[in-house]
């Protein structure tokens, strides 16, 4: 019976570039699947969306530790400092990105303010939402690329008894699974913001996920070509993901009176990622 590592390498060879590309295409494809659900599931309730986004947060939370922070510390020979430095760099970048997003409409519309301007305000709000989601997809794509890049350095390496390649595949699947509710949320938000066309909404959701492909390739190549940066890169990706969870996803799911179902969704997401980690590791 073929092992995960032998089957994966039989399909995709041993190139870090190809592995990163595969990882990026898979997670972006699952984002697309979520975005396209708007054609068959036109009006999910807020309660359902909050539970789904809570699930996404749980997956990301668990993946940040099991597939990024702990392996990063092990790659650094038990030295936590590089991971901590990378972690706070990731947090700082996402914090600055969040500060930048509200000013994007100045570039897009040429106006200093969009409030109270009818259709223009609605379009600007959609554009800002899409930019925000795109920025928040960046650490996810980078995390998958870093995972495959670390495995490409030594495909047979183990981390706490788990193979590096199995760790990368489980991270890819986990990020892909949580991209499905995110993609649906982007499409629904685009409709609710006033555009109302399901085709455009689905396209907006798909486009938000496409940033993950080049970043996955970049992450895989960067760490495979410069091994010493691997612990920093893993900490960076984890910091960005945890910032998104704490600053955006969880507050959003708790803003409409659905705290309990969102929390239960988060718990399920944590266990799904842990199960993937065990089964594929």
C-alpha atoms as a PDB file:
ATOM      1  CA  UNK A   1       0.000   0.000   0.000  1.00  0.00           C
ATOM      2  CA  UNK A   2       1.503   3.315  -1.077  1.00  0.00           C
ATOM      3  CA  UNK A   3       2.299   5.840   1.629  1.00  0.00           C
ATOM      4  CA  UNK A   4       1.115   9.432   1.440  1.00  0.00           C
ATOM      5  CA  UNK A   5       4.650  10.615   0.671  1.00  0.00           C
ATOM      6  CA  UNK A   6       5.270   8.087  -2.112  1.00  0.00           C
ATOM      7  CA  UNK A   7       1.874   8.731  -3.720  1.00  0.00           C
ATOM      8  CA  UNK A   8       2.263  12.507  -3.593  1.00  0.00           C
ATOM      9  CA  UNK A   9       5.766  12.426  -5.045  1.00  0.00           C
ATOM     10  CA  UNK A  10       4.658   9.947  -7.718  1.00  0.00           C
ATOM     11  CA  UNK A  11       2.024  12.448  -8.851  1.00  0.00           C
ATOM     12  CA  UNK A  12       3.941  15.692  -8.452  1.00  0.00           C
ATOM     13  CA  UNK A  13       7.653  14.845  -8.345  1.00  0.00           C
ATOM     14  CA  UNK A  14      10.029  16.507  -5.899  1.00  0.00           C
ATOM     15  CA  UNK A  15       9.997  20.154  -6.999  1.00  0.00           C
ATOM     16  CA  UNK A  16       9.226  22.754  -4.336  1.00  0.00           C
ATOM     17  CA  UNK A  17       7.814  25.011  -7.058  1.00  0.00           C
ATOM     18  CA  UNK A  18       5.365  22.322  -8.243  1.00  0.00           C
ATOM     19  CA  UNK A  19       4.379  21.433  -4.685  1.00  0.00           C
ATOM     20  CA  UNK A  20       3.707  25.078  -3.867  1.00  0.00           C
ATOM     21  CA  UNK A  21       1.681  25.467  -7.056  1.00  0.00           C
ATOM     22  CA  UNK A  22      -0.370  22.361  -6.273  1.00  0.00           C
ATOM     23  CA  UNK A  23      -1.051  23.597  -2.750  1.00  0.00           C
ATOM     24  CA  UNK A  24      -2.071  27.051  -3.979  1.00  0.00           C
ATOM     25  CA  UNK A  25      -4.371  25.669  -6.676  1.00  0.00           C
ATOM     26  CA  UNK A  26      -6.082  23.312  -4.204  1.00  0.00           C
ATOM     27  CA  UNK A  27      -6.849  25.964  -1.587  1.00  0.00           C
ATOM     28  CA  UNK A  28      -7.877  28.562  -4.197  1.00  0.00           C
ATOM     29  CA  UNK A  29     -10.049  25.927  -5.867  1.00  0.00           C
ATOM     30  CA  UNK A  30     -11.857  25.231  -2.605  1.00  0.00           C
ATOM     31  CA  UNK A  31     -12.363  28.967  -2.142  1.00  0.00           C
ATOM     32  CA  UNK A  32     -13.919  28.956  -5.612  1.00  0.00           C
ATOM     33  CA  UNK A  33     -16.176  26.062  -4.611  1.00  0.00           C
ATOM     34  CA  UNK A  34     -17.426  28.066  -1.648  1.00  0.00           C
ATOM     35  CA  UNK A  35     -17.991  31.143  -3.809  1.00  0.00           C
ATOM     36  CA  UNK A  36     -19.959  29.150  -6.379  1.00  0.00           C
ATOM     37  CA  UNK A  37     -22.281  27.766  -3.703  1.00  0.00           C
ATOM     38  CA  UNK A  38     -24.124  31.069  -3.987  1.00  0.00           C
ATOM     39  CA  UNK A  39     -25.769  29.728  -7.161  1.00  0.00           C
ATOM     40  CA  UNK A  40     -27.446  26.849  -5.319  1.00  0.00           C
ATOM     41  CA  UNK A  41     -27.631  28.279  -1.787  1.00  0.00           C
ATOM     42  CA  UNK A  42     -28.845  31.797  -2.378  1.00  0.00           C
ATOM     43  CA  UNK A  43     -29.810  32.886   1.112  1.00  0.00           C
ATOM     44  CA  UNK A  44     -28.074  31.087   3.990  1.00  0.00           C
ATOM     45  CA  UNK A  45     -29.089  32.448   7.373  1.00  0.00           C
ATOM     46  CA  UNK A  46     -26.751  34.624   9.419  1.00  0.00           C
ATOM     47  CA  UNK A  47     -26.714  31.866  12.023  1.00  0.00           C
ATOM     48  CA  UNK A  48     -25.492  29.346   9.456  1.00  0.00           C
ATOM     49  CA  UNK A  49     -22.825  31.692   8.111  1.00  0.00           C
ATOM     50  CA  UNK A  50     -21.576  32.489  11.622  1.00  0.00           C
ATOM     51  CA  UNK A  51     -21.318  28.772  12.412  1.00  0.00           C
ATOM     52  CA  UNK A  52     -19.420  28.178   9.147  1.00  0.00           C
ATOM     53  CA  UNK A  53     -17.021  31.052   9.769  1.00  0.00           C
ATOM     54  CA  UNK A  54     -16.528  29.861  13.345  1.00  0.00           C
ATOM     55  CA  UNK A  55     -15.588  26.472  11.891  1.00  0.00           C
ATOM     56  CA  UNK A  56     -13.067  28.195   9.602  1.00  0.00           C
ATOM     57  CA  UNK A  57     -11.568  30.000  12.593  1.00  0.00           C
ATOM     58  CA  UNK A  58     -11.206  26.723  14.491  1.00  0.00           C
ATOM     59  CA  UNK A  59      -9.382  25.065  11.615  1.00  0.00           C
ATOM     60  CA  UNK A  60      -7.006  28.017  11.252  1.00  0.00           C
ATOM     61  CA  UNK A  61      -6.425  28.184  15.014  1.00  0.00           C
ATOM     62  CA  UNK A  62      -5.421  24.548  15.264  1.00  0.00           C
ATOM     63  CA  UNK A  63      -3.371  24.644  12.050  1.00  0.00           C
ATOM     64  CA  UNK A  64      -1.402  27.640  13.296  1.00  0.00           C
ATOM     65  CA  UNK A  65      -0.048  25.581  16.166  1.00  0.00           C
ATOM     66  CA  UNK A  66       0.175  22.032  14.845  1.00  0.00           C
ATOM     67  CA  UNK A  67       1.424  22.841  11.328  1.00  0.00           C
ATOM     68  CA  UNK A  68       3.341  26.099  11.754  1.00  0.00           C
ATOM     69  CA  UNK A  69       4.432  27.177  15.244  1.00  0.00           C
ATOM     70  CA  UNK A  70       5.473  23.805  16.682  1.00  0.00           C
ATOM     71  CA  UNK A  71       7.200  22.578  13.471  1.00  0.00           C
ATOM     72  CA  UNK A  72       8.910  25.972  13.182  1.00  0.00           C
ATOM     73  CA  UNK A  73      10.386  25.626  16.663  1.00  0.00           C
ATOM     74  CA  UNK A  74      11.571  22.107  15.858  1.00  0.00           C
ATOM     75  CA  UNK A  75      13.187  23.253  12.594  1.00  0.00           C
ATOM     76  CA  UNK A  76      14.994  25.920  14.633  1.00  0.00           C
ATOM     77  CA  UNK A  77      16.474  23.200  16.846  1.00  0.00           C
ATOM     78  CA  UNK A  78      14.244  24.098  19.777  1.00  0.00           C
ATOM     79  CA  UNK A  79      15.091  27.793  19.573  1.00  0.00           C
ATOM     80  CA  UNK A  80      11.832  29.707  19.876  1.00  0.00           C
ATOM     81  CA  UNK A  81      13.280  33.151  19.054  1.00  0.00           C
ATOM     82  CA  UNK A  82      13.147  32.939  15.203  1.00  0.00           C
ATOM     83  CA  UNK A  83       9.530  31.774  15.356  1.00  0.00           C
ATOM     84  CA  UNK A  84       8.616  34.584  17.770  1.00  0.00           C
ATOM     85  CA  UNK A  85      10.279  37.180  15.528  1.00  0.00           C
ATOM     86  CA  UNK A  86       8.470  35.861  12.461  1.00  0.00           C
ATOM     87  CA  UNK A  87       5.200  35.664  14.397  1.00  0.00           C
ATOM     88  CA  UNK A  88       5.206  39.323  15.377  1.00  0.00           C
ATOM     89  CA  UNK A  89       6.284  40.385  11.900  1.00  0.00           C
ATOM     90  CA  UNK A  90       3.192  38.583  10.558  1.00  0.00           C
ATOM     91  CA  UNK A  91       0.993  40.267  13.145  1.00  0.00           C
ATOM     92  CA  UNK A  92       2.486  43.679  12.320  1.00  0.00           C
ATOM     93  CA  UNK A  93       1.926  43.243   8.576  1.00  0.00           C
ATOM     94  CA  UNK A  94      -1.735  42.273   8.982  1.00  0.00           C
ATOM     95  CA  UNK A  95      -2.263  45.095  11.470  1.00  0.00           C
ATOM     96  CA  UNK A  96      -0.887  47.622   8.961  1.00  0.00           C
ATOM     97  CA  UNK A  97      -2.898  46.013   6.157  1.00  0.00           C
ATOM     98  CA  UNK A  98      -6.080  46.480   8.185  1.00  0.00           C
ATOM     99  CA  UNK A  99      -5.188  50.127   8.714  1.00  0.00           C
ATOM    100  CA  UNK A 100      -4.604  50.543   4.976  1.00  0.00           C
ATOM    101  CA  UNK A 101      -7.842  48.921   3.796  1.00  0.00           C
ATOM    102  CA  UNK A 102     -10.209  51.796   4.765  1.00  0.00           C
ATOM    103  CA  UNK A 103      -8.231  54.136   2.499  1.00  0.00           C
ATOM    104  CA  UNK A 104      -8.402  51.917  -0.589  1.00  0.00           C
ATOM    105  CA  UNK A 105     -11.558  53.673  -1.784  1.00  0.00           C
ATOM    106  CA  UNK A 106      -9.520  56.859  -2.318  1.00  0.00           C
ATOM    107  CA  UNK A 107      -7.491  55.056  -4.965  1.00  0.00           C
ATOM    108  CA  UNK A 108     -10.446  53.161  -6.432  1.00  0.00           C
ATOM    109  CA  UNK A 109     -13.035  55.944  -6.570  1.00  0.00           C
ATOM    110  CA  UNK A 110     -10.910  59.081  -6.435  1.00  0.00           C
ATOM    111  CA  UNK A 111     -13.034  60.392  -3.562  1.00  0.00           C
ATOM    112  CA  UNK A 112     -12.098  61.132   0.021  1.00  0.00           C
ATOM    113  CA  UNK A 113     -15.467  59.958   1.303  1.00  0.00           C
ATOM    114  CA  UNK A 114     -18.060  57.537   0.029  1.00  0.00           C
ATOM    115  CA  UNK A 115     -20.691  57.724   2.750  1.00  0.00           C
ATOM    116  CA  UNK A 116     -24.108  58.796   1.576  1.00  0.00           C
ATOM    117  CA  UNK A 117     -23.327  58.642  -2.124  1.00  0.00           C
ATOM    118  CA  UNK A 118     -25.847  55.993  -3.156  1.00  0.00           C
ATOM    119  CA  UNK A 119     -24.598  53.382  -5.618  1.00  0.00           C
ATOM    120  CA  UNK A 120     -21.034  54.668  -5.388  1.00  0.00           C
ATOM    121  CA  UNK A 121     -21.001  54.021  -1.646  1.00  0.00           C
ATOM    122  CA  UNK A 122     -22.333  50.485  -2.121  1.00  0.00           C
ATOM    123  CA  UNK A 123     -19.761  49.682  -4.806  1.00  0.00           C
ATOM    124  CA  UNK A 124     -16.946  51.088  -2.668  1.00  0.00           C
ATOM    125  CA  UNK A 125     -18.084  49.003   0.296  1.00  0.00           C
ATOM    126  CA  UNK A 126     -17.964  45.854  -1.841  1.00  0.00           C
ATOM    127  CA  UNK A 127     -14.511  46.715  -3.155  1.00  0.00           C
ATOM    128  CA  UNK A 128     -13.230  47.339   0.355  1.00  0.00           C
ATOM    129  CA  UNK A 129     -14.653  44.036   1.556  1.00  0.00           C
ATOM    130  CA  UNK A 130     -13.033  42.126  -1.309  1.00  0.00           C
ATOM    131  CA  UNK A 131      -9.668  43.822  -0.700  1.00  0.00           C
ATOM    132  CA  UNK A 132      -9.903  42.983   3.004  1.00  0.00           C
ATOM    133  CA  UNK A 133     -10.654  39.304   2.326  1.00  0.00           C
ATOM    134  CA  UNK A 134      -7.855  39.171  -0.255  1.00  0.00           C
ATOM    135  CA  UNK A 135      -5.373  40.541   2.284  1.00  0.00           C
ATOM    136  CA  UNK A 136      -6.553  38.013   4.836  1.00  0.00           C
ATOM    137  CA  UNK A 137      -6.102  35.144   2.376  1.00  0.00           C
ATOM    138  CA  UNK A 138      -2.432  36.053   2.001  1.00  0.00           C
ATOM    139  CA  UNK A 139      -1.140  34.345   5.173  1.00  0.00           C
ATOM    140  CA  UNK A 140      -3.139  31.228   4.281  1.00  0.00           C
ATOM    141  CA  UNK A 141      -1.467  30.907   0.877  1.00  0.00           C
ATOM    142  CA  UNK A 142       1.914  31.662   2.400  1.00  0.00           C
ATOM    143  CA  UNK A 143       1.389  29.090   5.141  1.00  0.00           C
ATOM    144  CA  UNK A 144       0.653  26.317   2.631  1.00  0.00           C
ATOM    145  CA  UNK A 145       3.669  27.283   0.527  1.00  0.00           C
ATOM    146  CA  UNK A 146       5.953  27.356   3.563  1.00  0.00           C
ATOM    147  CA  UNK A 147       4.678  23.931   4.590  1.00  0.00           C
ATOM    148  CA  UNK A 148       5.509  22.399   1.212  1.00  0.00           C
ATOM    149  CA  UNK A 149       8.802  24.267   0.999  1.00  0.00           C
ATOM    150  CA  UNK A 150       9.877  22.861   4.348  1.00  0.00           C
ATOM    151  CA  UNK A 151       8.938  19.352   3.185  1.00  0.00           C
ATOM    152  CA  UNK A 152      10.862  19.797  -0.080  1.00  0.00           C
ATOM    153  CA  UNK A 153      14.060  20.502   1.848  1.00  0.00           C
ATOM    154  CA  UNK A 154      13.929  16.942   3.211  1.00  0.00           C
ATOM    155  CA  UNK A 155      10.816  14.944   2.163  1.00  0.00           C
ATOM    156  CA  UNK A 156      11.688  12.174   4.583  1.00  0.00           C
ATOM    157  CA  UNK A 157      12.064  14.461   7.594  1.00  0.00           C
ATOM    158  CA  UNK A 158       9.824  13.980  10.624  1.00  0.00           C
ATOM    159  CA  UNK A 159       8.511  16.533  13.106  1.00  0.00           C
ATOM    160  CA  UNK A 160       7.409  15.040  16.429  1.00  0.00           C
ATOM    161  CA  UNK A 161       7.068  11.719  14.655  1.00  0.00           C
ATOM    162  CA  UNK A 162       5.078  13.156  11.720  1.00  0.00           C
ATOM    163  CA  UNK A 163       6.440  13.438   8.204  1.00  0.00           C
ATOM    164  CA  UNK A 164       7.082  16.965   6.925  1.00  0.00           C
ATOM    165  CA  UNK A 165       5.214  16.174   3.705  1.00  0.00           C
ATOM    166  CA  UNK A 166       2.235  14.713   5.571  1.00  0.00           C
ATOM    167  CA  UNK A 167       2.196  17.842   7.719  1.00  0.00           C
ATOM    168  CA  UNK A 168       2.135  20.019   4.575  1.00  0.00           C
ATOM    169  CA  UNK A 169      -0.683  18.020   2.967  1.00  0.00           C
ATOM    170  CA  UNK A 170      -2.820  18.146   6.119  1.00  0.00           C
ATOM    171  CA  UNK A 171      -2.281  21.918   6.309  1.00  0.00           C
ATOM    172  CA  UNK A 172      -3.279  22.292   2.643  1.00  0.00           C
ATOM    173  CA  UNK A 173      -6.481  20.295   3.171  1.00  0.00           C
ATOM    174  CA  UNK A 174      -7.343  22.153   6.363  1.00  0.00           C
ATOM    175  CA  UNK A 175      -6.880  25.587   4.788  1.00  0.00           C
ATOM    176  CA  UNK A 176      -8.839  24.413   1.743  1.00  0.00           C
ATOM    177  CA  UNK A 177     -11.737  23.162   3.869  1.00  0.00           C
ATOM    178  CA  UNK A 178     -11.995  26.417   5.787  1.00  0.00           C
ATOM    179  CA  UNK A 179     -11.823  28.368   2.505  1.00  0.00           C
ATOM    180  CA  UNK A 180     -15.237  26.971   1.506  1.00  0.00           C
ATOM    181  CA  UNK A 181     -17.270  28.963   4.072  1.00  0.00           C
ATOM    182  CA  UNK A 182     -15.012  31.984   3.500  1.00  0.00           C
ATOM    183  CA  UNK A 183     -15.684  31.904  -0.244  1.00  0.00           C
ATOM    184  CA  UNK A 184     -19.427  31.651   0.360  1.00  0.00           C
ATOM    185  CA  UNK A 185     -19.276  34.546   2.831  1.00  0.00           C
ATOM    186  CA  UNK A 186     -17.559  36.778   0.249  1.00  0.00           C
ATOM    187  CA  UNK A 187     -20.250  36.043  -2.338  1.00  0.00           C
ATOM    188  CA  UNK A 188     -23.118  36.598   0.085  1.00  0.00           C
ATOM    189  CA  UNK A 189     -21.568  39.839   1.354  1.00  0.00           C
ATOM    190  CA  UNK A 190     -21.177  41.128  -2.205  1.00  0.00           C
ATOM    191  CA  UNK A 191     -24.885  40.500  -2.814  1.00  0.00           C
ATOM    192  CA  UNK A 192     -25.921  42.055   0.491  1.00  0.00           C
ATOM    193  CA  UNK A 193     -23.758  45.107  -0.201  1.00  0.00           C
ATOM    194  CA  UNK A 194     -26.070  45.980  -3.073  1.00  0.00           C
ATOM    195  CA  UNK A 195     -24.759  44.535  -6.324  1.00  0.00           C
ATOM    196  CA  UNK A 196     -27.294  41.727  -6.265  1.00  0.00           C
ATOM    197  CA  UNK A 197     -25.933  39.713  -9.191  1.00  0.00           C
ATOM    198  CA  UNK A 198     -24.973  36.201  -8.210  1.00  0.00           C
ATOM    199  CA  UNK A 199     -22.496  35.896 -11.086  1.00  0.00           C
ATOM    200  CA  UNK A 200     -20.550  38.961  -9.952  1.00  0.00           C
ATOM    201  CA  UNK A 201     -20.754  37.856  -6.335  1.00  0.00           C
ATOM    202  CA  UNK A 202     -19.317  34.439  -7.176  1.00  0.00           C
ATOM    203  CA  UNK A 203     -16.601  36.056  -9.277  1.00  0.00           C
ATOM    204  CA  UNK A 204     -15.690  38.330  -6.362  1.00  0.00           C
ATOM    205  CA  UNK A 205     -15.341  35.316  -4.095  1.00  0.00           C
ATOM    206  CA  UNK A 206     -13.177  33.449  -6.606  1.00  0.00           C
ATOM    207  CA  UNK A 207     -10.937  36.451  -7.175  1.00  0.00           C
ATOM    208  CA  UNK A 208     -10.395  36.903  -3.431  1.00  0.00           C
ATOM    209  CA  UNK A 209      -8.895  33.406  -3.278  1.00  0.00           C
ATOM    210  CA  UNK A 210      -6.599  33.660  -6.296  1.00  0.00           C
ATOM    211  CA  UNK A 211      -3.968  35.580  -4.340  1.00  0.00           C
ATOM    212  CA  UNK A 212      -3.236  32.324  -2.530  1.00  0.00           C
ATOM    213  CA  UNK A 213      -1.653  30.640  -5.568  1.00  0.00           C
ATOM    214  CA  UNK A 214       1.315  33.001  -6.154  1.00  0.00           C
ATOM    215  CA  UNK A 215       1.918  33.306  -2.415  1.00  0.00           C
ATOM    216  CA  UNK A 216       1.961  29.522  -1.987  1.00  0.00           C
ATOM    217  CA  UNK A 217       4.534  29.258  -4.783  1.00  0.00           C
ATOM    218  CA  UNK A 218       6.562  32.114  -3.293  1.00  0.00           C
ATOM    219  CA  UNK A 219       6.511  30.559   0.177  1.00  0.00           C
ATOM    220  CA  UNK A 220       7.608  27.144  -1.116  1.00  0.00           C
ATOM    221  CA  UNK A 221      10.463  28.566  -3.186  1.00  0.00           C
ATOM    222  CA  UNK A 222      11.643  31.003  -0.523  1.00  0.00           C
ATOM    223  CA  UNK A 223      12.133  28.428   2.208  1.00  0.00           C
ATOM    224  CA  UNK A 224      13.527  25.760  -0.123  1.00  0.00           C
ATOM    225  CA  UNK A 225      16.149  28.178  -1.457  1.00  0.00           C
ATOM    226  CA  UNK A 226      16.944  29.763   1.889  1.00  0.00           C
ATOM    227  CA  UNK A 227      16.527  27.127   4.595  1.00  0.00           C
ATOM    228  CA  UNK A 228      17.550  29.414   7.519  1.00  0.00           C
ATOM    229  CA  UNK A 229      14.442  31.566   7.025  1.00  0.00           C
ATOM    230  CA  UNK A 230      12.077  28.614   7.494  1.00  0.00           C
ATOM    231  CA  UNK A 231      11.361  29.128  11.249  1.00  0.00           C
ATOM    232  CA  UNK A 232      10.813  32.848  10.631  1.00  0.00           C
ATOM    233  CA  UNK A 233       8.483  32.110   7.703  1.00  0.00           C
ATOM    234  CA  UNK A 234       6.435  29.586   9.686  1.00  0.00           C
ATOM    235  CA  UNK A 235       6.088  32.013  12.575  1.00  0.00           C
ATOM    236  CA  UNK A 236       5.178  34.802  10.127  1.00  0.00           C
ATOM    237  CA  UNK A 237       2.396  32.747   8.522  1.00  0.00           C
ATOM    238  CA  UNK A 238       1.039  31.671  11.924  1.00  0.00           C
ATOM    239  CA  UNK A 239       1.052  35.247  13.229  1.00  0.00           C
ATOM    240  CA  UNK A 240      -0.897  36.466  10.216  1.00  0.00           C
ATOM    241  CA  UNK A 241      -3.456  33.672  10.512  1.00  0.00           C
ATOM    242  CA  UNK A 242      -4.010  34.167  14.248  1.00  0.00           C
ATOM    243  CA  UNK A 243      -4.388  37.918  13.751  1.00  0.00           C
ATOM    244  CA  UNK A 244      -7.137  37.306  11.184  1.00  0.00           C
ATOM    245  CA  UNK A 245      -8.922  34.913  13.553  1.00  0.00           C
ATOM    246  CA  UNK A 246      -8.829  37.232  16.558  1.00  0.00           C
ATOM    247  CA  UNK A 247      -9.308  40.586  14.850  1.00  0.00           C
ATOM    248  CA  UNK A 248     -11.780  39.712  12.100  1.00  0.00           C
ATOM    249  CA  UNK A 249     -13.422  36.306  12.037  1.00  0.00           C
ATOM    250  CA  UNK A 250     -14.379  35.763  15.678  1.00  0.00           C
ATOM    251  CA  UNK A 251     -15.661  39.330  16.297  1.00  0.00           C
ATOM    252  CA  UNK A 252     -17.709  39.062  13.089  1.00  0.00           C
ATOM    253  CA  UNK A 253     -19.303  35.765  14.142  1.00  0.00           C
ATOM    254  CA  UNK A 254     -20.170  37.181  17.590  1.00  0.00           C
ATOM    255  CA  UNK A 255     -21.704  40.426  16.353  1.00  0.00           C
ATOM    256  CA  UNK A 256     -25.242  39.238  15.551  1.00  0.00           C
ATOM    257  CA  UNK A 257     -26.324  37.238  18.578  1.00  0.00           C
ATOM    258  CA  UNK A 258     -25.043  33.868  17.310  1.00  0.00           C
ATOM    259  CA  UNK A 259     -22.161  33.517  19.755  1.00  0.00           C
ATOM    260  CA  UNK A 260     -23.012  29.991  20.893  1.00  0.00           C
ATOM    261  CA  UNK A 261     -23.355  28.413  17.453  1.00  0.00           C
ATOM    262  CA  UNK A 262     -20.210  30.239  16.269  1.00  0.00           C
ATOM    263  CA  UNK A 263     -18.290  28.927  19.283  1.00  0.00           C
ATOM    264  CA  UNK A 264     -19.495  25.380  18.628  1.00  0.00           C
ATOM    265  CA  UNK A 265     -18.412  25.790  14.990  1.00  0.00           C
ATOM    266  CA  UNK A 266     -14.961  26.825  16.209  1.00  0.00           C
ATOM    267  CA  UNK A 267     -14.709  23.749  18.442  1.00  0.00           C
ATOM    268  CA  UNK A 268     -15.642  21.471  15.532  1.00  0.00           C
ATOM    269  CA  UNK A 269     -13.063  23.187  13.319  1.00  0.00           C
ATOM    270  CA  UNK A 270     -10.315  22.610  15.895  1.00  0.00           C
ATOM    271  CA  UNK A 271     -11.130  18.898  16.088  1.00  0.00           C
ATOM    272  CA  UNK A 272     -11.327  18.509  12.298  1.00  0.00           C
ATOM    273  CA  UNK A 273      -7.825  19.971  11.917  1.00  0.00           C
ATOM    274  CA  UNK A 274      -6.446  17.815  14.735  1.00  0.00           C
ATOM    275  CA  UNK A 275      -8.001  14.740  13.135  1.00  0.00           C
ATOM    276  CA  UNK A 276      -6.456  15.605   9.759  1.00  0.00           C
ATOM    277  CA  UNK A 277      -3.123  16.161  11.470  1.00  0.00           C
ATOM    278  CA  UNK A 278      -3.230  12.684  13.015  1.00  0.00           C
ATOM    279  CA  UNK A 279      -4.615  10.854   9.961  1.00  0.00           C
ATOM    280  CA  UNK A 280      -2.247  12.439   7.427  1.00  0.00           C
ATOM    281  CA  UNK A 281       0.778  12.998   9.648  1.00  0.00           C
END
